[in-house]
Amino acid sequence: MQKVSATIKDFQALAKAGLIGELVAFEINEPDVFHMVGISNKLATAFILHDGELSKERAWSGSRNLFDVAKKIGCRALTIKAFEKQEPAQQEPEQQITLSSGKVINFQ
């Protein structure tokens, strides 16, 4: 999948044309800072929301305003993904979970 920078106006045009299948806000490697990406499976392209005036990727501090941006773009759904830190390899994972009620769930 190719990656392309696009402004908010580009995103609006893509959404209006039905070319954005999924809108995703990804938390970057800074706590509570997000970038917005529009995924177009039809075009096999990920559009990264870019600030035209600053000539760089647009970032949002906090998740509060992300849905307002999605509505401005013309999307009614938004997926928010948190940054996943790489954890050191652990030993054998547990094969059961004990719920707060005391019930034990076994799994493999």
N, C-alpha and C. Protein backbone atom coordinates (compact mmCIF):
# COMPACT_ATOMS: atom_id res chain seq x y z
N MET A 1 0.86 -1.18 0.00
CA MET A 1 0.00 0.00 0.00
C MET A 1 0.90 1.24 0.00
N GLN A 2 0.63 2.14 -0.91
CA GLN A 2 1.44 3.36 -0.96
C GLN A 2 0.91 4.39 0.04
N LYS A 3 1.79 5.31 0.44
CA LYS A 3 1.43 6.37 1.38
C LYS A 3 1.53 7.71 0.66
N VAL A 4 0.49 8.54 0.84
CA VAL A 4 0.43 9.83 0.16
C VAL A 4 -0.01 10.89 1.16
N SER A 5 0.67 12.04 1.17
CA SER A 5 0.25 13.16 2.01
C SER A 5 -0.94 13.85 1.35
N ALA A 6 -1.92 14.28 2.16
CA ALA A 6 -3.11 14.95 1.63
C ALA A 6 -3.59 15.97 2.66
N THR A 7 -4.10 17.10 2.18
CA THR A 7 -4.63 18.14 3.06
C THR A 7 -6.06 17.80 3.46
N ILE A 8 -6.61 18.58 4.36
CA ILE A 8 -8.00 18.37 4.80
C ILE A 8 -8.96 18.49 3.62
N LYS A 9 -8.70 19.43 2.69
CA LYS A 9 -9.55 19.57 1.50
C LYS A 9 -9.46 18.33 0.62
N ASP A 10 -8.26 17.76 0.51
CA ASP A 10 -8.09 16.52 -0.25
C ASP A 10 -8.91 15.40 0.40
N PHE A 11 -8.83 15.32 1.73
CA PHE A 11 -9.58 14.30 2.46
C PHE A 11 -11.08 14.46 2.22
N GLN A 12 -11.56 15.70 2.25
CA GLN A 12 -12.98 15.95 2.01
C GLN A 12 -13.39 15.49 0.62
N ALA A 13 -12.58 15.77 -0.39
CA ALA A 13 -12.88 15.35 -1.76
C ALA A 13 -12.86 13.82 -1.88
N LEU A 14 -11.88 13.19 -1.25
CA LEU A 14 -11.78 11.73 -1.28
C LEU A 14 -12.98 11.09 -0.59
N ALA A 15 -13.38 11.65 0.55
CA ALA A 15 -14.53 11.11 1.28
C ALA A 15 -15.81 11.28 0.47
N LYS A 16 -15.98 12.45 -0.14
CA LYS A 16 -17.17 12.72 -0.94
C LYS A 16 -17.27 11.77 -2.12
N ALA A 17 -16.12 11.40 -2.69
CA ALA A 17 -16.09 10.47 -3.82
C ALA A 17 -16.20 9.01 -3.37
N GLY A 18 -16.26 8.78 -2.04
CA GLY A 18 -16.38 7.42 -1.52
C GLY A 18 -15.08 6.64 -1.59
N LEU A 19 -13.97 7.33 -1.59
CA LEU A 19 -12.68 6.66 -1.72
C LEU A 19 -11.96 6.40 -0.40
N ILE A 20 -12.49 6.92 0.71
CA ILE A 20 -11.90 6.61 2.01
C ILE A 20 -12.78 5.55 2.67
N GLY A 21 -12.22 4.37 2.80
CA GLY A 21 -12.97 3.27 3.40
C GLY A 21 -12.91 3.28 4.91
N GLU A 22 -11.78 3.74 5.44
CA GLU A 22 -11.61 3.76 6.90
C GLU A 22 -10.75 4.97 7.27
N LEU A 23 -11.15 5.63 8.34
CA LEU A 23 -10.39 6.75 8.87
C LEU A 23 -9.82 6.31 10.22
N VAL A 24 -8.50 6.43 10.36
CA VAL A 24 -7.83 5.93 11.56
C VAL A 24 -6.94 7.02 12.15
N ALA A 25 -7.02 7.20 13.47
CA ALA A 25 -6.11 8.09 14.19
C ALA A 25 -5.12 7.20 14.93
N PHE A 26 -3.85 7.33 14.59
CA PHE A 26 -2.80 6.53 15.21
C PHE A 26 -2.06 7.36 16.24
N GLU A 27 -1.94 6.82 17.45
CA GLU A 27 -1.10 7.48 18.44
C GLU A 27 0.35 7.23 18.03
N ILE A 28 1.13 8.29 17.97
CA ILE A 28 2.54 8.14 17.57
C ILE A 28 3.37 7.86 18.81
N ASN A 29 4.67 7.86 18.66
CA ASN A 29 5.57 7.51 19.76
C ASN A 29 5.71 8.63 20.78
N GLU A 30 4.69 9.45 20.92
CA GLU A 30 4.61 10.47 21.96
C GLU A 30 3.27 10.24 22.65
N PRO A 31 3.22 10.27 23.97
CA PRO A 31 1.96 10.00 24.65
C PRO A 31 0.85 10.96 24.23
N ASP A 32 -0.27 10.40 23.84
CA ASP A 32 -1.50 11.15 23.54
C ASP A 32 -1.35 12.13 22.38
N VAL A 33 -0.53 11.80 21.39
CA VAL A 33 -0.39 12.60 20.17
C VAL A 33 -0.76 11.69 18.99
N PHE A 34 -1.64 12.19 18.11
CA PHE A 34 -2.21 11.36 17.06
C PHE A 34 -1.99 11.96 15.67
N HIS A 35 -1.84 11.06 14.69
CA HIS A 35 -1.85 11.41 13.27
C HIS A 35 -3.10 10.77 12.68
N MET A 36 -3.68 11.39 11.66
CA MET A 36 -4.89 10.90 11.02
C MET A 36 -4.53 10.31 9.65
N VAL A 37 -5.07 9.11 9.38
CA VAL A 37 -4.81 8.42 8.12
C VAL A 37 -6.13 7.94 7.53
N GLY A 38 -6.32 8.19 6.25
CA GLY A 38 -7.48 7.67 5.53
C GLY A 38 -7.04 6.51 4.67
N ILE A 39 -7.69 5.36 4.84
CA ILE A 39 -7.32 4.16 4.10
C ILE A 39 -8.27 3.99 2.92
N SER A 40 -7.70 3.87 1.73
CA SER A 40 -8.49 3.60 0.53
C SER A 40 -8.07 2.25 -0.03
N ASN A 41 -8.89 1.23 0.20
CA ASN A 41 -8.59 -0.08 -0.37
C ASN A 41 -8.77 -0.05 -1.88
N LYS A 42 -9.71 0.77 -2.36
CA LYS A 42 -9.95 0.88 -3.81
C LYS A 42 -8.70 1.36 -4.53
N LEU A 43 -7.97 2.29 -3.91
CA LEU A 43 -6.78 2.86 -4.53
C LEU A 43 -5.49 2.25 -3.98
N ALA A 44 -5.62 1.33 -3.02
CA ALA A 44 -4.46 0.73 -2.35
C ALA A 44 -3.51 1.81 -1.83
N THR A 45 -4.13 2.81 -1.15
CA THR A 45 -3.36 3.97 -0.69
C THR A 45 -3.78 4.36 0.72
N ALA A 46 -2.79 4.76 1.52
CA ALA A 46 -3.04 5.34 2.83
C ALA A 46 -2.74 6.83 2.71
N PHE A 47 -3.76 7.66 2.91
CA PHE A 47 -3.60 9.11 2.83
C PHE A 47 -3.32 9.64 4.23
N ILE A 48 -2.21 10.34 4.39
CA ILE A 48 -1.81 10.87 5.69
C ILE A 48 -2.18 12.34 5.72
N LEU A 49 -2.95 12.74 6.74
CA LEU A 49 -3.40 14.13 6.83
C LEU A 49 -2.20 15.04 7.06
N HIS A 50 -2.04 15.98 6.17
CA HIS A 50 -0.87 16.84 6.09
C HIS A 50 -1.31 18.29 6.25
N ASP A 51 -0.57 19.06 6.99
CA ASP A 51 -0.87 20.49 7.13
C ASP A 51 -0.21 21.23 5.98
N GLY A 52 -1.02 21.76 5.08
CA GLY A 52 -0.51 22.44 3.89
C GLY A 52 0.35 23.64 4.20
N GLU A 53 0.00 24.39 5.24
CA GLU A 53 0.76 25.60 5.58
C GLU A 53 2.10 25.27 6.23
N LEU A 54 2.13 24.23 7.05
CA LEU A 54 3.36 23.89 7.76
C LEU A 54 4.21 22.88 7.00
N SER A 55 3.65 22.30 5.94
CA SER A 55 4.35 21.30 5.13
C SER A 55 4.85 20.12 5.95
N LYS A 56 4.00 19.63 6.84
CA LYS A 56 4.34 18.43 7.61
C LYS A 56 3.04 17.74 8.04
N GLU A 57 3.19 16.50 8.54
CA GLU A 57 2.01 15.77 8.99
C GLU A 57 1.33 16.52 10.12
N ARG A 58 0.03 16.54 10.08
CA ARG A 58 -0.77 17.21 11.12
C ARG A 58 -0.83 16.29 12.33
N ALA A 59 -0.64 16.84 13.52
CA ALA A 59 -0.71 16.06 14.75
C ALA A 59 -1.72 16.70 15.70
N TRP A 60 -2.44 15.85 16.44
CA TRP A 60 -3.40 16.31 17.43
C TRP A 60 -2.94 15.85 18.79
N SER A 61 -2.98 16.76 19.74
CA SER A 61 -2.65 16.43 21.12
C SER A 61 -3.95 16.03 21.82
N GLY A 62 -4.03 14.80 22.24
CA GLY A 62 -5.25 14.30 22.88
C GLY A 62 -6.23 13.78 21.85
N SER A 63 -7.18 13.00 22.30
CA SER A 63 -8.13 12.38 21.38
C SER A 63 -9.46 13.12 21.33
N ARG A 64 -9.61 14.19 22.10
CA ARG A 64 -10.88 14.91 22.20
C ARG A 64 -11.43 15.43 20.88
N ASN A 65 -10.58 16.02 20.07
CA ASN A 65 -11.04 16.69 18.85
C ASN A 65 -11.02 15.81 17.61
N LEU A 66 -10.59 14.56 17.75
CA LEU A 66 -10.42 13.72 16.57
C LEU A 66 -11.74 13.46 15.85
N PHE A 67 -12.83 13.23 16.58
CA PHE A 67 -14.09 12.95 15.91
C PHE A 67 -14.61 14.20 15.20
N ASP A 68 -14.36 15.38 15.76
CA ASP A 68 -14.74 16.63 15.07
C ASP A 68 -14.03 16.72 13.72
N VAL A 69 -12.78 16.30 13.67
CA VAL A 69 -12.03 16.31 12.42
C VAL A 69 -12.65 15.31 11.45
N ALA A 70 -13.00 14.12 11.96
CA ALA A 70 -13.62 13.10 11.10
C ALA A 70 -14.92 13.63 10.49
N LYS A 71 -15.74 14.32 11.30
CA LYS A 71 -16.99 14.88 10.78
C LYS A 71 -16.71 15.96 9.74
N LYS A 72 -15.69 16.79 9.98
CA LYS A 72 -15.33 17.85 9.02
C LYS A 72 -14.90 17.23 7.68
N ILE A 73 -14.21 16.10 7.76
CA ILE A 73 -13.77 15.41 6.55
C ILE A 73 -14.98 14.82 5.81
N GLY A 74 -16.00 14.41 6.57
CA GLY A 74 -17.17 13.80 5.97
C GLY A 74 -17.29 12.32 6.30
N CYS A 75 -16.53 11.87 7.29
CA CYS A 75 -16.59 10.47 7.73
C CYS A 75 -17.37 10.39 9.03
N ARG A 76 -18.20 9.37 9.14
CA ARG A 76 -19.03 9.22 10.33
C ARG A 76 -18.47 8.18 11.29
N ALA A 77 -17.34 7.58 10.95
CA ALA A 77 -16.72 6.59 11.82
C ALA A 77 -15.22 6.87 11.89
N LEU A 78 -14.64 6.59 13.02
CA LEU A 78 -13.22 6.82 13.25
C LEU A 78 -12.69 5.74 14.16
N THR A 79 -11.59 5.14 13.78
CA THR A 79 -10.91 4.16 14.62
C THR A 79 -9.71 4.84 15.25
N ILE A 80 -9.55 4.67 16.56
CA ILE A 80 -8.40 5.25 17.28
C ILE A 80 -7.53 4.10 17.75
N LYS A 81 -6.26 4.16 17.38
CA LYS A 81 -5.32 3.09 17.75
C LYS A 81 -4.21 3.67 18.62
N ALA A 82 -4.01 3.05 19.76
CA ALA A 82 -2.97 3.48 20.69
C ALA A 82 -1.62 2.94 20.23
N PHE A 83 -0.57 3.66 20.59
CA PHE A 83 0.79 3.23 20.28
C PHE A 83 1.09 1.98 21.09
N GLU A 84 1.66 0.98 20.43
CA GLU A 84 2.00 -0.26 21.12
C GLU A 84 3.50 -0.31 21.37
N LYS A 85 3.86 -0.26 22.64
CA LYS A 85 5.27 -0.38 22.98
C LYS A 85 5.70 -1.84 22.80
N GLN A 86 6.91 -2.02 22.34
CA GLN A 86 7.45 -3.36 22.22
C GLN A 86 7.89 -3.84 23.60
N GLU A 87 7.20 -4.85 24.08
CA GLU A 87 7.52 -5.42 25.38
C GLU A 87 8.62 -6.46 25.22
N PRO A 88 9.49 -6.59 26.21
CA PRO A 88 10.49 -7.65 26.13
C PRO A 88 9.80 -9.01 26.13
N ALA A 89 10.42 -9.96 25.46
CA ALA A 89 9.84 -11.31 25.37
C ALA A 89 9.63 -11.87 26.77
N GLN A 90 8.44 -12.42 26.97
CA GLN A 90 8.11 -13.00 28.27
C GLN A 90 8.24 -14.50 28.18
N GLN A 91 8.27 -15.11 29.37
CA GLN A 91 8.28 -16.55 29.41
C GLN A 91 6.89 -17.05 29.05
N GLU A 92 6.65 -18.31 29.22
CA GLU A 92 5.38 -18.95 28.89
C GLU A 92 4.19 -18.11 29.33
N PRO A 93 3.28 -17.74 28.40
CA PRO A 93 2.10 -16.98 28.81
C PRO A 93 1.16 -17.85 29.65
N GLU A 94 0.44 -17.20 30.53
CA GLU A 94 -0.50 -17.94 31.36
C GLU A 94 -1.61 -18.53 30.51
N GLN A 95 -2.11 -19.67 30.93
CA GLN A 95 -3.16 -20.36 30.20
C GLN A 95 -4.52 -20.20 30.85
N GLN A 96 -4.60 -19.30 31.84
CA GLN A 96 -5.88 -19.06 32.48
C GLN A 96 -5.96 -17.64 33.00
N ILE A 97 -7.19 -17.18 33.13
CA ILE A 97 -7.46 -15.86 33.69
C ILE A 97 -8.46 -16.06 34.81
N THR A 98 -8.18 -15.43 35.94
CA THR A 98 -9.13 -15.48 37.05
C THR A 98 -9.86 -14.15 37.09
N LEU A 99 -11.18 -14.20 36.89
CA LEU A 99 -12.00 -13.00 36.89
C LEU A 99 -12.20 -12.49 38.32
N SER A 100 -12.62 -11.24 38.46
CA SER A 100 -12.83 -10.66 39.80
C SER A 100 -13.89 -11.43 40.57
N SER A 101 -14.80 -12.13 39.87
CA SER A 101 -15.83 -12.92 40.54
C SER A 101 -15.26 -14.23 41.10
N GLY A 102 -14.02 -14.55 40.74
CA GLY A 102 -13.41 -15.78 41.19
C GLY A 102 -13.48 -16.88 40.13
N LYS A 103 -14.27 -16.71 39.10
CA LYS A 103 -14.39 -17.69 38.03
C LYS A 103 -13.07 -17.75 37.26
N VAL A 104 -12.61 -18.97 36.96
CA VAL A 104 -11.36 -19.18 36.25
C VAL A 104 -11.69 -19.55 34.80
N ILE A 105 -11.08 -18.83 33.87
CA ILE A 105 -11.24 -19.10 32.43
C ILE A 105 -9.96 -19.73 31.94
N ASN A 106 -10.04 -20.96 31.47
CA ASN A 106 -8.88 -21.66 30.90
C ASN A 106 -8.91 -21.53 29.39
N PHE A 107 -7.75 -21.33 28.78
CA PHE A 107 -7.66 -21.23 27.33
C PHE A 107 -6.30 -21.69 26.87
N GLN A 108 -6.21 -21.93 25.59
CA GLN A 108 -4.92 -22.35 25.01
C GLN A 108 -4.63 -21.55 23.78
